[in-house]
Amino acid sequence: MEAALRFGTVGSPLSTPPRPGGTVGGLQRLHELGLEALELAWVRSVRVSEETCRQIRETAEALGIVLSVHAPYFINLNAKDRAGYRASRERLVAAARAGYLAGARDIVFHPGSYQGARPERAYETVRRRLQEIVEELRDEGVEVTLRPETMGKSALFGTLDEVIQLSRDVPGVLPCIDFAHLHARAGDGSFNSYEEFMDALRRVAAGLGPRGLQELHVHVSGIAYTRKGERHHLNLQEADLQYEALLRALIDIGARGRVLCESPNLEEDALLLQRTYRRLLAEREGN
């Protein structure tokens, strides 16, 4: 069976040498490791020149590495004040513009928090504002897919159903499914079995059709959590996330796309996920 998922890291590998360093060096190191995807971690700000974007795009194309962008953390499309929303909008638009120049076609972002509003009311605000941003980018010719991420705390907008519904309601939007976040958000150790992973993937397929499973963008890491949700990321072998069951579910449902690792050890767990995926594929072919 053909490998349908590409594996990589969110941010350049930790083992990237100082020269040439930067994202170009990170891409070269990913290629040396046999990984095939990179999410540019522009999580603090977007400060990158057009020339650097050109170098990133050309290097990724030459090495066959697919790119996405993680936009700055400080985005809240449910901000109560207009100034807060304008700043959030500017950050997301800047990430999309620069990412497009760099060759990325998927822009991951944290959609925001409920801020005391009912989830239904917050949803309408986020949907309307996301539609505005999509239209602005489309008018500029910035052809990217905006990917709201599932979030790891109950106070944050970003349940699986919310990001699926956004993807149904707003053209040019698809989910970023962070399975560690969904596990942590549950707060009780659930959302951590083959059956629960399959149920989530079937909900994606039911909501978005074939494209939902053929263009998956997944985050995986270990995670520490409390009843209130996420605390911080962990390495996979220090955590309880059943990543092998997740990979088996992705194989069995025929998922295609990419899996990006956010564990503290980055490329080590990305390679662990890739090896496990390939072993499971080989076992399936053997049967």
Protein backbone atom coordinates (compact mmCIF):
# COMPACT_ATOMS: atom_id res chain seq x y z
CA MET A 1 0.00 0.00 0.00
CA GLU A 2 1.30 3.45 -0.95
CA ALA A 3 2.25 5.74 1.91
CA ALA A 4 -0.49 8.36 1.83
CA LEU A 5 0.67 10.49 4.76
CA ARG A 6 3.70 12.77 4.88
CA PHE A 7 5.40 13.33 8.23
CA GLY A 8 7.28 16.36 9.48
CA THR A 9 7.69 18.93 12.21
CA VAL A 10 6.18 22.21 13.36
CA GLY A 11 9.29 24.37 13.23
CA SER A 12 12.74 23.42 12.01
CA PRO A 13 14.30 20.26 13.48
CA LEU A 14 16.26 20.73 16.68
CA SER A 15 19.25 19.11 14.98
CA THR A 16 19.41 21.76 12.24
CA PRO A 17 23.08 22.87 12.00
CA PRO A 18 23.87 26.56 12.57
CA ARG A 19 24.92 26.95 8.94
CA PRO A 20 23.04 27.63 6.78
CA GLY A 21 20.58 27.54 9.68
CA GLY A 22 17.16 29.14 9.56
CA THR A 23 14.32 27.63 7.60
CA VAL A 24 16.50 26.76 4.61
CA GLY A 25 18.81 24.78 6.88
CA GLY A 26 15.77 23.23 8.55
CA LEU A 27 14.45 22.05 5.20
CA GLN A 28 17.79 20.53 4.33
CA ARG A 29 17.92 18.74 7.67
CA LEU A 30 14.37 17.40 7.24
CA HIS A 31 15.37 16.01 3.87
CA GLU A 32 18.44 14.33 5.37
CA LEU A 33 16.21 12.71 7.99
CA GLY A 34 13.74 11.47 5.39
CA LEU A 35 10.88 13.66 6.56
CA GLU A 36 8.64 15.33 4.01
CA ALA A 37 6.70 18.20 5.59
CA LEU A 38 7.42 21.39 7.50
CA GLU A 39 5.07 23.79 9.22
CA LEU A 40 6.73 27.18 9.42
CA ALA A 41 6.36 28.18 13.07
CA TRP A 42 5.65 31.91 12.76
CA VAL A 43 3.94 31.76 16.12
CA ARG A 44 5.25 35.02 17.62
CA SER A 45 5.17 37.32 14.61
CA VAL A 46 5.56 37.33 10.85
CA ARG A 47 8.89 38.96 10.12
CA VAL A 48 10.23 37.51 6.91
CA SER A 49 11.44 39.24 3.76
CA GLU A 50 10.28 38.46 0.22
CA GLU A 51 13.80 37.22 -0.56
CA THR A 52 13.73 34.80 2.36
CA CYS A 53 10.30 33.59 1.25
CA ARG A 54 11.72 32.96 -2.21
CA GLN A 55 14.62 30.94 -0.77
CA ILE A 56 12.23 28.87 1.37
CA ARG A 57 9.95 28.17 -1.58
CA GLU A 58 12.76 27.18 -3.94
CA THR A 59 14.47 24.96 -1.36
CA ALA A 60 11.23 23.18 -0.41
CA GLU A 61 10.35 22.59 -4.06
CA ALA A 62 13.82 21.22 -4.84
CA LEU A 63 13.70 18.82 -1.88
CA GLY A 64 10.08 17.76 -2.31
CA ILE A 65 8.97 19.04 1.10
CA VAL A 66 5.43 20.36 1.50
CA LEU A 67 4.97 23.54 3.52
CA SER A 68 2.33 24.98 5.79
CA VAL A 69 2.40 27.91 8.22
CA HIS A 70 1.42 28.18 11.86
CA ALA A 71 0.20 31.76 12.24
CA PRO A 72 0.92 33.77 15.42
CA TYR A 73 -0.69 32.50 18.60
CA PHE A 74 -2.18 35.91 19.39
CA ILE A 75 -5.26 35.61 17.21
CA ASN A 76 -8.80 35.81 18.53
CA LEU A 77 -11.53 36.05 15.92
CA ASN A 78 -14.03 36.33 18.78
CA ALA A 79 -12.34 39.39 20.31
CA LYS A 80 -14.88 41.67 21.95
CA ASP A 81 -13.26 44.94 20.92
CA ARG A 82 -12.72 46.01 17.33
CA ALA A 83 -9.06 46.85 17.94
CA GLY A 84 -8.41 43.32 19.18
CA TYR A 85 -10.08 41.86 16.14
CA ARG A 86 -8.23 44.15 13.74
CA ALA A 87 -4.89 43.10 15.26
CA SER A 88 -5.87 39.43 15.01
CA ARG A 89 -6.98 39.87 11.43
CA GLU A 90 -3.73 41.59 10.51
CA ARG A 91 -1.67 38.77 12.02
CA LEU A 92 -3.58 36.07 10.16
CA VAL A 93 -3.53 37.95 6.87
CA ALA A 94 0.22 38.63 7.22
CA ALA A 95 0.89 34.92 7.82
CA ALA A 96 -1.18 34.00 4.77
CA ARG A 97 0.51 36.54 2.49
CA ALA A 98 4.04 35.61 3.51
CA GLY A 99 3.24 31.90 3.59
CA TYR A 100 1.88 32.07 0.06
CA LEU A 101 5.09 33.74 -1.12
CA ALA A 102 7.09 31.00 0.62
CA GLY A 103 5.15 28.25 -1.14
CA ALA A 104 2.82 27.26 1.70
CA ARG A 105 -0.81 26.68 0.82
CA ASP A 106 -2.15 25.86 4.29
CA ILE A 107 -2.28 28.39 7.13
CA VAL A 108 -2.96 26.98 10.60
CA PHE A 109 -4.26 29.30 13.33
CA HIS A 110 -5.83 29.28 16.77
CA PRO A 111 -9.33 30.72 16.27
CA GLY A 112 -9.76 32.31 19.70
CA SER A 113 -11.66 31.95 22.96
CA TYR A 114 -15.32 32.10 23.94
CA GLN A 115 -14.72 35.11 26.24
CA GLY A 116 -17.82 34.29 28.25
CA ALA A 117 -20.08 34.09 25.20
CA ARG A 118 -22.25 31.09 24.46
CA PRO A 119 -20.51 28.79 21.98
CA GLU A 120 -23.27 29.35 19.43
CA ARG A 121 -22.86 33.12 19.59
CA ALA A 122 -19.05 32.86 19.44
CA TYR A 123 -19.39 30.61 16.42
CA GLU A 124 -21.38 33.18 14.48
CA THR A 125 -18.81 35.88 15.22
CA VAL A 126 -15.86 33.67 14.23
CA ARG A 127 -17.64 32.48 11.06
CA ARG A 128 -18.49 36.01 9.91
CA ARG A 129 -15.02 37.35 10.54
CA LEU A 130 -13.32 34.36 8.96
CA GLN A 131 -15.45 34.88 5.87
CA GLU A 132 -14.24 38.49 5.70
CA ILE A 133 -10.60 37.39 5.87
CA VAL A 134 -11.05 34.68 3.23
CA GLU A 135 -12.63 37.22 0.87
CA GLU A 136 -9.83 39.73 1.45
CA LEU A 137 -7.17 37.13 0.65
CA ARG A 138 -9.05 35.87 -2.39
CA ASP A 139 -9.34 39.43 -3.74
CA GLU A 140 -5.54 39.74 -3.42
CA GLY A 141 -4.93 36.45 -5.23
CA VAL A 142 -3.56 34.77 -2.09
CA GLU A 143 -4.80 31.23 -2.75
CA VAL A 144 -4.38 29.49 0.57
CA THR A 145 -6.51 27.25 2.78
CA LEU A 146 -7.08 28.67 6.26
CA ARG A 147 -7.09 25.92 8.88
CA PRO A 148 -8.62 26.63 12.31
CA GLU A 149 -7.04 24.25 14.80
CA THR A 150 -8.85 22.09 17.33
CA MET A 151 -7.89 23.42 20.75
CA GLY A 152 -6.93 21.75 24.01
CA LYS A 153 -8.89 23.72 26.61
CA SER A 154 -12.63 23.99 27.14
CA ALA A 155 -12.40 27.80 27.40
CA LEU A 156 -11.09 28.00 23.83
CA PHE A 157 -13.11 28.00 20.64
CA GLY A 158 -12.14 24.94 18.61
CA THR A 159 -14.04 21.72 19.20
CA LEU A 160 -13.91 19.20 16.39
CA ASP A 161 -17.50 19.97 15.47
CA GLU A 162 -16.83 23.71 15.42
CA VAL A 163 -13.91 23.49 13.00
CA ILE A 164 -15.82 21.04 10.79
CA GLN A 165 -18.80 23.40 10.66
CA LEU A 166 -16.56 26.38 9.86
CA SER A 167 -15.13 24.36 7.00
CA ARG A 168 -18.64 23.67 5.73
CA ASP A 169 -19.78 27.28 6.03
CA VAL A 170 -16.74 29.16 4.71
CA PRO A 171 -15.18 28.24 1.34
CA GLY A 172 -11.40 28.09 1.53
CA VAL A 173 -11.38 26.68 5.09
CA LEU A 174 -10.46 23.18 6.27
CA PRO A 175 -9.59 21.89 9.77
CA CYS A 176 -6.25 21.37 11.41
CA ILE A 177 -6.99 18.43 13.68
CA ASP A 178 -4.75 18.29 16.72
CA PHE A 179 -5.43 14.90 18.25
CA ALA A 180 -3.41 15.65 21.37
CA HIS A 181 -5.53 18.76 21.95
CA LEU A 182 -8.76 16.79 21.56
CA HIS A 183 -7.49 14.21 24.04
CA ALA A 184 -6.49 16.92 26.53
CA ARG A 185 -9.72 18.87 26.05
CA ALA A 186 -11.71 15.84 27.20
CA GLY A 187 -9.88 16.15 30.52
CA ASP A 188 -10.69 12.63 31.65
CA GLY A 189 -8.35 10.46 29.58
CA SER A 190 -10.93 9.77 26.89
CA PHE A 191 -10.65 10.48 23.17
CA ASN A 192 -7.68 8.14 23.17
CA SER A 193 -8.73 4.88 21.53
CA TYR A 194 -8.98 3.45 18.04
CA GLU A 195 -12.77 3.63 18.20
CA GLU A 196 -12.76 7.29 19.29
CA PHE A 197 -10.22 8.25 16.62
CA MET A 198 -12.28 6.48 13.96
CA ASP A 199 -15.43 8.23 15.15
CA ALA A 200 -13.70 11.60 14.80
CA LEU A 201 -12.46 10.79 11.30
CA ARG A 202 -15.93 9.59 10.26
CA ARG A 203 -17.36 12.89 11.50
CA VAL A 204 -14.85 14.71 9.30
CA ALA A 205 -15.90 12.61 6.31
CA ALA A 206 -19.61 13.09 7.04
CA GLY A 207 -19.20 16.84 7.37
CA LEU A 208 -16.77 17.56 4.56
CA GLY A 209 -17.07 14.70 2.11
CA PRO A 210 -14.11 12.93 0.47
CA ARG A 211 -11.94 16.06 0.54
CA GLY A 212 -12.04 16.06 4.33
CA LEU A 213 -10.03 12.84 4.54
CA GLN A 214 -7.95 13.31 1.40
CA GLU A 215 -6.47 16.66 2.50
CA LEU A 216 -5.98 16.04 6.21
CA HIS A 217 -3.69 18.31 8.19
CA VAL A 218 -2.94 16.69 11.55
CA HIS A 219 -0.92 17.69 14.62
CA VAL A 220 0.31 14.96 16.97
CA SER A 221 2.37 15.11 20.16
CA GLY A 222 2.36 13.84 23.68
CA ILE A 223 0.44 16.09 26.05
CA ALA A 224 -0.02 16.78 29.75
CA TYR A 225 -3.50 17.83 30.88
CA THR A 226 -5.86 18.34 33.79
CA ARG A 227 -9.65 18.30 34.00
CA LYS A 228 -9.55 21.78 32.48
CA GLY A 229 -7.56 20.59 29.47
CA GLU A 230 -4.10 21.08 28.05
CA ARG A 231 -1.10 22.04 30.17
CA HIS A 232 1.87 21.49 27.86
CA HIS A 233 3.24 19.17 25.20
CA LEU A 234 5.27 16.08 26.05
CA ASN A 235 7.33 13.60 24.11
CA LEU A 236 5.17 10.71 22.93
CA GLN A 237 6.86 8.07 25.05
CA GLU A 238 6.37 10.22 28.18
CA ALA A 239 2.65 10.62 27.58
CA ASP A 240 -0.49 8.51 27.35
CA LEU A 241 -1.61 9.38 23.82
CA GLN A 242 -2.26 6.13 21.94
CA TYR A 243 -0.49 7.24 18.80
CA GLU A 244 -0.27 3.76 17.27
CA ALA A 245 -4.06 3.40 17.49
CA LEU A 246 -4.39 6.82 15.86
CA LEU A 247 -2.11 5.85 12.99
CA ARG A 248 -3.99 2.60 12.52
CA ALA A 249 -7.25 4.54 12.31
CA LEU A 250 -5.77 6.91 9.73
CA ILE A 251 -4.65 3.93 7.64
CA ASP A 252 -7.92 2.04 7.93
CA ILE A 253 -10.04 5.00 6.87
CA GLY A 254 -7.78 5.79 3.90
CA ALA A 255 -6.60 9.19 5.07
CA ARG A 256 -4.21 11.25 2.96
CA GLY A 257 -2.35 14.42 3.86
CA ARG A 258 0.28 15.27 6.40
CA VAL A 259 1.08 14.67 10.07
CA LEU A 260 3.13 17.35 11.85
CA CYS A 261 4.78 16.69 15.20
CA GLU A 262 4.83 19.26 18.02
CA SER A 263 6.52 17.17 20.71
CA PRO A 264 9.41 18.90 22.51
CA ASN A 265 11.85 16.55 20.74
CA LEU A 266 10.30 17.42 17.34
CA GLU A 267 12.08 15.28 14.75
CA GLU A 268 12.58 12.32 17.10
CA ASP A 269 8.84 11.85 17.53
CA ALA A 270 8.17 12.74 13.88
CA LEU A 271 10.46 9.87 12.90
CA LEU A 272 8.84 7.60 15.49
CA LEU A 273 5.44 8.35 13.97
CA GLN A 274 6.75 7.78 10.45
CA ARG A 275 8.39 4.45 11.38
CA THR A 276 5.27 3.26 13.17
CA TYR A 277 3.08 4.27 10.23
CA ARG A 278 5.29 2.42 7.76
CA ARG A 279 5.34 -0.69 9.95
CA LEU A 280 1.55 -0.68 10.21
CA LEU A 281 1.27 -0.25 6.44
CA ALA A 282 3.63 -3.17 5.88
CA GLU A 283 1.67 -5.35 8.32
CA ARG A 284 -1.56 -4.48 6.50
CA GLU A 285 -0.03 -5.41 3.13
CA GLY A 286 1.23 -8.66 4.62
CA ASN A 287 -2.32 -9.58 5.59
